[in-house]
């Protein structure tokens, strides 16, 4: 008999995936900061602005995810839209920067 995944297990799986991706994006941001330090001053200012924007979006996504985790699986529907919106915004920004 196949095990049916519960709502809590689904939520925990999703949160785990999101946390892992946030760590990857954090590492990528660190790489981008290091690259910015190697560029000329004018380019460095522009690059730093983009990186700072990404850091702010990453922090927002992390805060929304933390709010959701604190609320628990019963409140998934309440926090889902905010988490997904912040996540999508961060994801789109990373894709634009790394192309």
Foldseek 3Di string as FASTA:
>chain_A
DDDDQDLQNVLVVVLVVVVVVLVVVVVVLVVQLVVLVVDDPVSSVVSVVLSVVLVVLSVQLVVLSVVDVVVGSVCCVVSVVSNVVSVVVNVVSVVVVVD
